[in-house]
Amino acid sequence: MNYAIQYHEISGDWLIFDISDGFELVGIHSTEKDAKRHATQLEKAFAKRALWTRGAMNRAA
């Protein structure tokens, strides 16, 4: 998993962080459901990019 969801007690928001290469805030949502949906979309997009990147690297080698 490349993304983490965390509840921020002061603001009451759900935060999404990209934890794959550092720690970067990539989303803020008012509900946990919305945050989970966004994190799932981000994971799917990451997996799709990784698939294409690996394929291009194998062809280049």
PDB file of N, CA and C in Angstrom:
ATOM      1  N   MET A   1       0.852  -1.185   0.000  1.00  0.00           N
ATOM      2  CA  MET A   1       0.000   0.000   0.000  1.00  0.00           C
ATOM      3  C   MET A   1       0.891   1.240   0.000  1.00  0.00           C
ATOM      4  N   ASN A   2       0.615   2.141  -0.906  1.00  0.00           N
ATOM      5  CA  ASN A   2       1.416   3.345  -1.058  1.00  0.00           C
ATOM      6  C   ASN A   2       0.777   4.571  -0.428  1.00  0.00           C
ATOM      7  N   TYR A   3      -0.453   4.423   0.035  1.00  0.00           N
ATOM      8  CA  TYR A   3      -1.185   5.561   0.580  1.00  0.00           C
ATOM      9  C   TYR A   3      -1.724   5.219   1.964  1.00  0.00           C
ATOM     10  N   ALA A   4      -1.675   6.207   2.856  1.00  0.00           N
ATOM     11  CA  ALA A   4      -2.175   6.018   4.217  1.00  0.00           C
ATOM     12  C   ALA A   4      -3.245   7.064   4.500  1.00  0.00           C
ATOM     13  N   ILE A   5      -4.279   6.637   5.218  1.00  0.00           N
ATOM     14  CA  ILE A   5      -5.364   7.534   5.607  1.00  0.00           C
ATOM     15  C   ILE A   5      -5.262   7.777   7.106  1.00  0.00           C
ATOM     16  N   GLN A   6      -5.370   9.035   7.490  1.00  0.00           N
ATOM     17  CA  GLN A   6      -5.264   9.381   8.915  1.00  0.00           C
ATOM     18  C   GLN A   6      -6.290  10.452   9.258  1.00  0.00           C
ATOM     19  N   TYR A   7      -6.907  10.299  10.414  1.00  0.00           N
ATOM     20  CA  TYR A   7      -7.882  11.273  10.888  1.00  0.00           C
ATOM     21  C   TYR A   7      -7.152  12.384  11.639  1.00  0.00           C
ATOM     22  N   HIS A   8      -7.484  13.628  11.336  1.00  0.00           N
ATOM     23  CA  HIS A   8      -6.881  14.781  12.004  1.00  0.00           C
ATOM     24  C   HIS A   8      -7.881  15.295  13.039  1.00  0.00           C
ATOM     25  N   GLU A   9      -7.574  15.098  14.305  1.00  0.00           N
ATOM     26  CA  GLU A   9      -8.533  15.398  15.376  1.00  0.00           C
ATOM     27  C   GLU A   9      -8.875  16.880  15.504  1.00  0.00           C
ATOM     28  N   ILE A  10      -7.957  17.753  15.205  1.00  0.00           N
ATOM     29  CA  ILE A  10      -8.213  19.184  15.362  1.00  0.00           C
ATOM     30  C   ILE A  10      -9.169  19.698  14.278  1.00  0.00           C
ATOM     31  N   SER A  11      -8.909  19.345  13.041  1.00  0.00           N
ATOM     32  CA  SER A  11      -9.754  19.833  11.941  1.00  0.00           C
ATOM     33  C   SER A  11     -10.968  18.936  11.682  1.00  0.00           C
ATOM     34  N   GLY A  12     -10.872  17.668  12.098  1.00  0.00           N
ATOM     35  CA  GLY A  12     -11.955  16.731  11.830  1.00  0.00           C
ATOM     36  C   GLY A  12     -11.950  16.196  10.410  1.00  0.00           C
ATOM     37  N   ASP A  13     -10.851  16.382   9.692  1.00  0.00           N
ATOM     38  CA  ASP A  13     -10.729  15.922   8.312  1.00  0.00           C
ATOM     39  C   ASP A  13      -9.975  14.603   8.246  1.00  0.00           C
ATOM     40  N   TRP A  14     -10.188  13.901   7.155  1.00  0.00           N
ATOM     41  CA  TRP A  14      -9.458  12.675   6.860  1.00  0.00           C
ATOM     42  C   TRP A  14      -8.393  13.016   5.830  1.00  0.00           C
ATOM     43  N   LEU A  15      -7.147  12.716   6.140  1.00  0.00           N
ATOM     44  CA  LEU A  15      -6.014  13.070   5.299  1.00  0.00           C
ATOM     45  C   LEU A  15      -5.462  11.830   4.609  1.00  0.00           C
ATOM     46  N   ILE A  16      -5.054  11.990   3.362  1.00  0.00           N
ATOM     47  CA  ILE A  16      -4.424  10.905   2.615  1.00  0.00           C
ATOM     48  C   ILE A  16      -2.982  11.310   2.349  1.00  0.00           C
ATOM     49  N   PHE A  17      -2.065  10.408   2.701  1.00  0.00           N
ATOM     50  CA  PHE A  17      -0.646  10.652   2.505  1.00  0.00           C
ATOM     51  C   PHE A  17      -0.069   9.627   1.549  1.00  0.00           C
ATOM     52  N   ASP A  18       0.807  10.095   0.669  1.00  0.00           N
ATOM     53  CA  ASP A  18       1.579   9.211  -0.195  1.00  0.00           C
ATOM     54  C   ASP A  18       2.827   8.830   0.599  1.00  0.00           C
ATOM     55  N   ILE A  19       2.939   7.567   0.963  1.00  0.00           N
ATOM     56  CA  ILE A  19       4.061   7.131   1.795  1.00  0.00           C
ATOM     57  C   ILE A  19       5.056   6.278   1.008  1.00  0.00           C
ATOM     58  N   SER A  20       4.916   6.219  -0.307  1.00  0.00           N
ATOM     59  CA  SER A  20       5.797   5.373  -1.107  1.00  0.00           C
ATOM     60  C   SER A  20       7.204   5.946  -1.225  1.00  0.00           C
ATOM     61  N   ASP A  21       7.329   7.231  -1.347  1.00  0.00           N
ATOM     62  CA  ASP A  21       8.651   7.854  -1.490  1.00  0.00           C
ATOM     63  C   ASP A  21       8.674   9.131  -0.663  1.00  0.00           C
ATOM     64  N   GLY A  22       8.703   8.983   0.656  1.00  0.00           N
ATOM     65  CA  GLY A  22       8.629  10.126   1.548  1.00  0.00           C
ATOM     66  C   GLY A  22       7.282  10.152   2.234  1.00  0.00           C
ATOM     67  N   PHE A  23       6.787  11.341   2.477  1.00  0.00           N
ATOM     68  CA  PHE A  23       5.532  11.495   3.201  1.00  0.00           C
ATOM     69  C   PHE A  23       4.874  12.771   2.700  1.00  0.00           C
ATOM     70  N   GLU A  24       3.985  12.641   1.703  1.00  0.00           N
ATOM     71  CA  GLU A  24       3.381  13.796   1.052  1.00  0.00           C
ATOM     72  C   GLU A  24       1.861  13.761   1.177  1.00  0.00           C
ATOM     73  N   LEU A  25       1.270  14.877   1.578  1.00  0.00           N
ATOM     74  CA  LEU A  25      -0.186  14.995   1.659  1.00  0.00           C
ATOM     75  C   LEU A  25      -0.752  15.095   0.244  1.00  0.00           C
ATOM     76  N   VAL A  26      -1.688  14.187  -0.090  1.00  0.00           N
ATOM     77  CA  VAL A  26      -2.255  14.187  -1.442  1.00  0.00           C
ATOM     78  C   VAL A  26      -3.766  14.374  -1.458  1.00  0.00           C
ATOM     79  N   GLY A  27      -4.407  14.375  -0.290  1.00  0.00           N
ATOM     80  CA  GLY A  27      -5.852  14.553  -0.273  1.00  0.00           C
ATOM     81  C   GLY A  27      -6.391  14.859   1.104  1.00  0.00           C
ATOM     82  N   ILE A  28      -7.471  15.642   1.145  1.00  0.00           N
ATOM     83  CA  ILE A  28      -8.171  15.980   2.384  1.00  0.00           C
ATOM     84  C   ILE A  28      -9.658  15.780   2.134  1.00  0.00           C
ATOM     85  N   HIS A  29     -10.303  15.012   3.016  1.00  0.00           N
ATOM     86  CA  HIS A  29     -11.723  14.709   2.848  1.00  0.00           C
ATOM     87  C   HIS A  29     -12.464  14.884   4.174  1.00  0.00           C
ATOM     88  N   SER A  30     -13.737  15.170   4.071  1.00  0.00           N
ATOM     89  CA  SER A  30     -14.537  15.378   5.279  1.00  0.00           C
ATOM     90  C   SER A  30     -15.071  14.072   5.854  1.00  0.00           C
ATOM     91  N   THR A  31     -15.131  13.004   5.034  1.00  0.00           N
ATOM     92  CA  THR A  31     -15.619  11.721   5.535  1.00  0.00           C
ATOM     93  C   THR A  31     -14.590  10.617   5.267  1.00  0.00           C
ATOM     94  N   GLU A  32     -14.627   9.614   6.121  1.00  0.00           N
ATOM     95  CA  GLU A  32     -13.721   8.482   5.953  1.00  0.00           C
ATOM     96  C   GLU A  32     -14.037   7.725   4.660  1.00  0.00           C
ATOM     97  N   LYS A  33     -15.301   7.630   4.332  1.00  0.00           N
ATOM     98  CA  LYS A  33     -15.724   6.927   3.119  1.00  0.00           C
ATOM     99  C   LYS A  33     -15.111   7.571   1.875  1.00  0.00           C
ATOM    100  N   ASP A  34     -15.174   8.903   1.803  1.00  0.00           N
ATOM    101  CA  ASP A  34     -14.592   9.619   0.667  1.00  0.00           C
ATOM    102  C   ASP A  34     -13.074   9.426   0.614  1.00  0.00           C
ATOM    103  N   ALA A  35     -12.434   9.457   1.767  1.00  0.00           N
ATOM    104  CA  ALA A  35     -10.986   9.281   1.827  1.00  0.00           C
ATOM    105  C   ALA A  35     -10.589   7.883   1.356  1.00  0.00           C
ATOM    106  N   LYS A  36     -11.336   6.864   1.777  1.00  0.00           N
ATOM    107  CA  LYS A  36     -11.035   5.497   1.354  1.00  0.00           C
ATOM    108  C   LYS A  36     -11.236   5.332  -0.142  1.00  0.00           C
ATOM    109  N   ARG A  37     -12.295   5.925  -0.670  1.00  0.00           N
ATOM    110  CA  ARG A  37     -12.553   5.839  -2.109  1.00  0.00           C
ATOM    111  C   ARG A  37     -11.420   6.506  -2.899  1.00  0.00           C
ATOM    112  N   HIS A  38     -10.981   7.665  -2.445  1.00  0.00           N
ATOM    113  CA  HIS A  38      -9.895   8.375  -3.127  1.00  0.00           C
ATOM    114  C   HIS A  38      -8.589   7.577  -3.045  1.00  0.00           C
ATOM    115  N   ALA A  39      -8.299   7.020  -1.874  1.00  0.00           N
ATOM    116  CA  ALA A  39      -7.077   6.223  -1.712  1.00  0.00           C
ATOM    117  C   ALA A  39      -7.106   4.999  -2.628  1.00  0.00           C
ATOM    118  N   THR A  40      -8.264   4.379  -2.775  1.00  0.00           N
ATOM    119  CA  THR A  40      -8.398   3.227  -3.670  1.00  0.00           C
ATOM    120  C   THR A  40      -8.134   3.637  -5.116  1.00  0.00           C
ATOM    121  N   GLN A  41      -8.664   4.790  -5.517  1.00  0.00           N
ATOM    122  CA  GLN A  41      -8.419   5.283  -6.876  1.00  0.00           C
ATOM    123  C   GLN A  41      -6.932   5.561  -7.094  1.00  0.00           C
ATOM    124  N   LEU A  42      -6.285   6.142  -6.088  1.00  0.00           N
ATOM    125  CA  LEU A  42      -4.856   6.430  -6.190  1.00  0.00           C
ATOM    126  C   LEU A  42      -4.045   5.141  -6.304  1.00  0.00           C
ATOM    127  N   GLU A  43      -4.416   4.123  -5.523  1.00  0.00           N
ATOM    128  CA  GLU A  43      -3.728   2.830  -5.578  1.00  0.00           C
ATOM    129  C   GLU A  43      -3.868   2.195  -6.962  1.00  0.00           C
ATOM    130  N   LYS A  44      -5.071   2.242  -7.520  1.00  0.00           N
ATOM    131  CA  LYS A  44      -5.297   1.669  -8.848  1.00  0.00           C
ATOM    132  C   LYS A  44      -4.474   2.408  -9.904  1.00  0.00           C
ATOM    133  N   ALA A  45      -4.432   3.731  -9.826  1.00  0.00           N
ATOM    134  CA  ALA A  45      -3.649   4.521 -10.777  1.00  0.00           C
ATOM    135  C   ALA A  45      -2.157   4.212 -10.640  1.00  0.00           C
ATOM    136  N   PHE A  46      -1.695   4.056  -9.403  1.00  0.00           N
ATOM    137  CA  PHE A  46      -0.295   3.720  -9.167  1.00  0.00           C
ATOM    138  C   PHE A  46       0.038   2.357  -9.773  1.00  0.00           C
ATOM    139  N   ALA A  47      -0.834   1.366  -9.552  1.00  0.00           N
ATOM    140  CA  ALA A  47      -0.609   0.023 -10.084  1.00  0.00           C
ATOM    141  C   ALA A  47      -0.579   0.048 -11.609  1.00  0.00           C
ATOM    142  N   LYS A  48      -1.451   0.832 -12.216  1.00  0.00           N
ATOM    143  CA  LYS A  48      -1.494   0.932 -13.679  1.00  0.00           C
ATOM    144  C   LYS A  48      -0.201   1.560 -14.209  1.00  0.00           C
ATOM    145  N   ARG A  49       0.259   2.637 -13.566  1.00  0.00           N
ATOM    146  CA  ARG A  49       1.523   3.264 -13.984  1.00  0.00           C
ATOM    147  C   ARG A  49       2.692   2.310 -13.808  1.00  0.00           C
ATOM    148  N   ALA A  50       2.705   1.573 -12.712  1.00  0.00           N
ATOM    149  CA  ALA A  50       3.799   0.630 -12.447  1.00  0.00           C
ATOM    150  C   ALA A  50       3.831  -0.461 -13.502  1.00  0.00           C
ATOM    151  N   LEU A  51       2.678  -0.913 -13.938  1.00  0.00           N
ATOM    152  CA  LEU A  51       2.604  -1.946 -14.970  1.00  0.00           C
ATOM    153  C   LEU A  51       3.222  -1.449 -16.269  1.00  0.00           C
ATOM    154  N   TRP A  52       2.885  -0.243 -16.673  1.00  0.00           N
ATOM    155  CA  TRP A  52       3.428   0.321 -17.911  1.00  0.00           C
ATOM    156  C   TRP A  52       4.908   0.614 -17.769  1.00  0.00           C
ATOM    157  N   THR A  53       5.329   1.076 -16.619  1.00  0.00           N
ATOM    158  CA  THR A  53       6.734   1.398 -16.405  1.00  0.00           C
ATOM    159  C   THR A  53       7.589   0.135 -16.483  1.00  0.00           C
ATOM    160  N   ARG A  54       7.143  -0.951 -15.819  1.00  0.00           N
ATOM    161  CA  ARG A  54       7.887  -2.209 -15.869  1.00  0.00           C
ATOM    162  C   ARG A  54       7.967  -2.736 -17.294  1.00  0.00           C
ATOM    163  N   GLY A  55       6.887  -2.627 -18.047  1.00  0.00           N
ATOM    164  CA  GLY A  55       6.881  -3.101 -19.423  1.00  0.00           C
ATOM    165  C   GLY A  55       7.860  -2.334 -20.293  1.00  0.00           C
ATOM    166  N   ALA A  56       7.897  -1.045 -20.138  1.00  0.00           N
ATOM    167  CA  ALA A  56       8.809  -0.211 -20.912  1.00  0.00           C
ATOM    168  C   ALA A  56      10.261  -0.505 -20.536  1.00  0.00           C
ATOM    169  N   MET A  57      10.511  -0.756 -19.261  1.00  0.00           N
ATOM    170  CA  MET A  57      11.863  -1.058 -18.818  1.00  0.00           C
ATOM    171  C   MET A  57      12.321  -2.403 -19.377  1.00  0.00           C
ATOM    172  N   ASN A  58      11.459  -3.391 -19.421  1.00  0.00           N
ATOM    173  CA  ASN A  58      11.817  -4.706 -19.954  1.00  0.00           C
ATOM    174  C   ASN A  58      12.107  -4.633 -21.454  1.00  0.00           C
ATOM    175  N   ARG A  59      11.332  -3.858 -22.192  1.00  0.00           N
ATOM    176  CA  ARG A  59      11.566  -3.721 -23.639  1.00  0.00           C
ATOM    177  C   ARG A  59      12.879  -2.991 -23.904  1.00  0.00           C
ATOM    178  N   ALA A  60      13.213  -2.001 -23.076  1.00  0.00           N
ATOM    179  CA  ALA A  60      14.435  -1.231 -23.273  1.00  0.00           C
ATOM    180  C   ALA A  60      15.671  -2.063 -22.977  1.00  0.00           C
ATOM    181  N   ALA A  61      15.546  -3.024 -22.089  1.00  0.00           N
ATOM    182  CA  ALA A  61      16.694  -3.845 -21.706  1.00  0.00           C
ATOM    183  C   ALA A  61      16.943  -4.873 -22.744  1.00  0.00           C
TER     184      ALA A  61
END
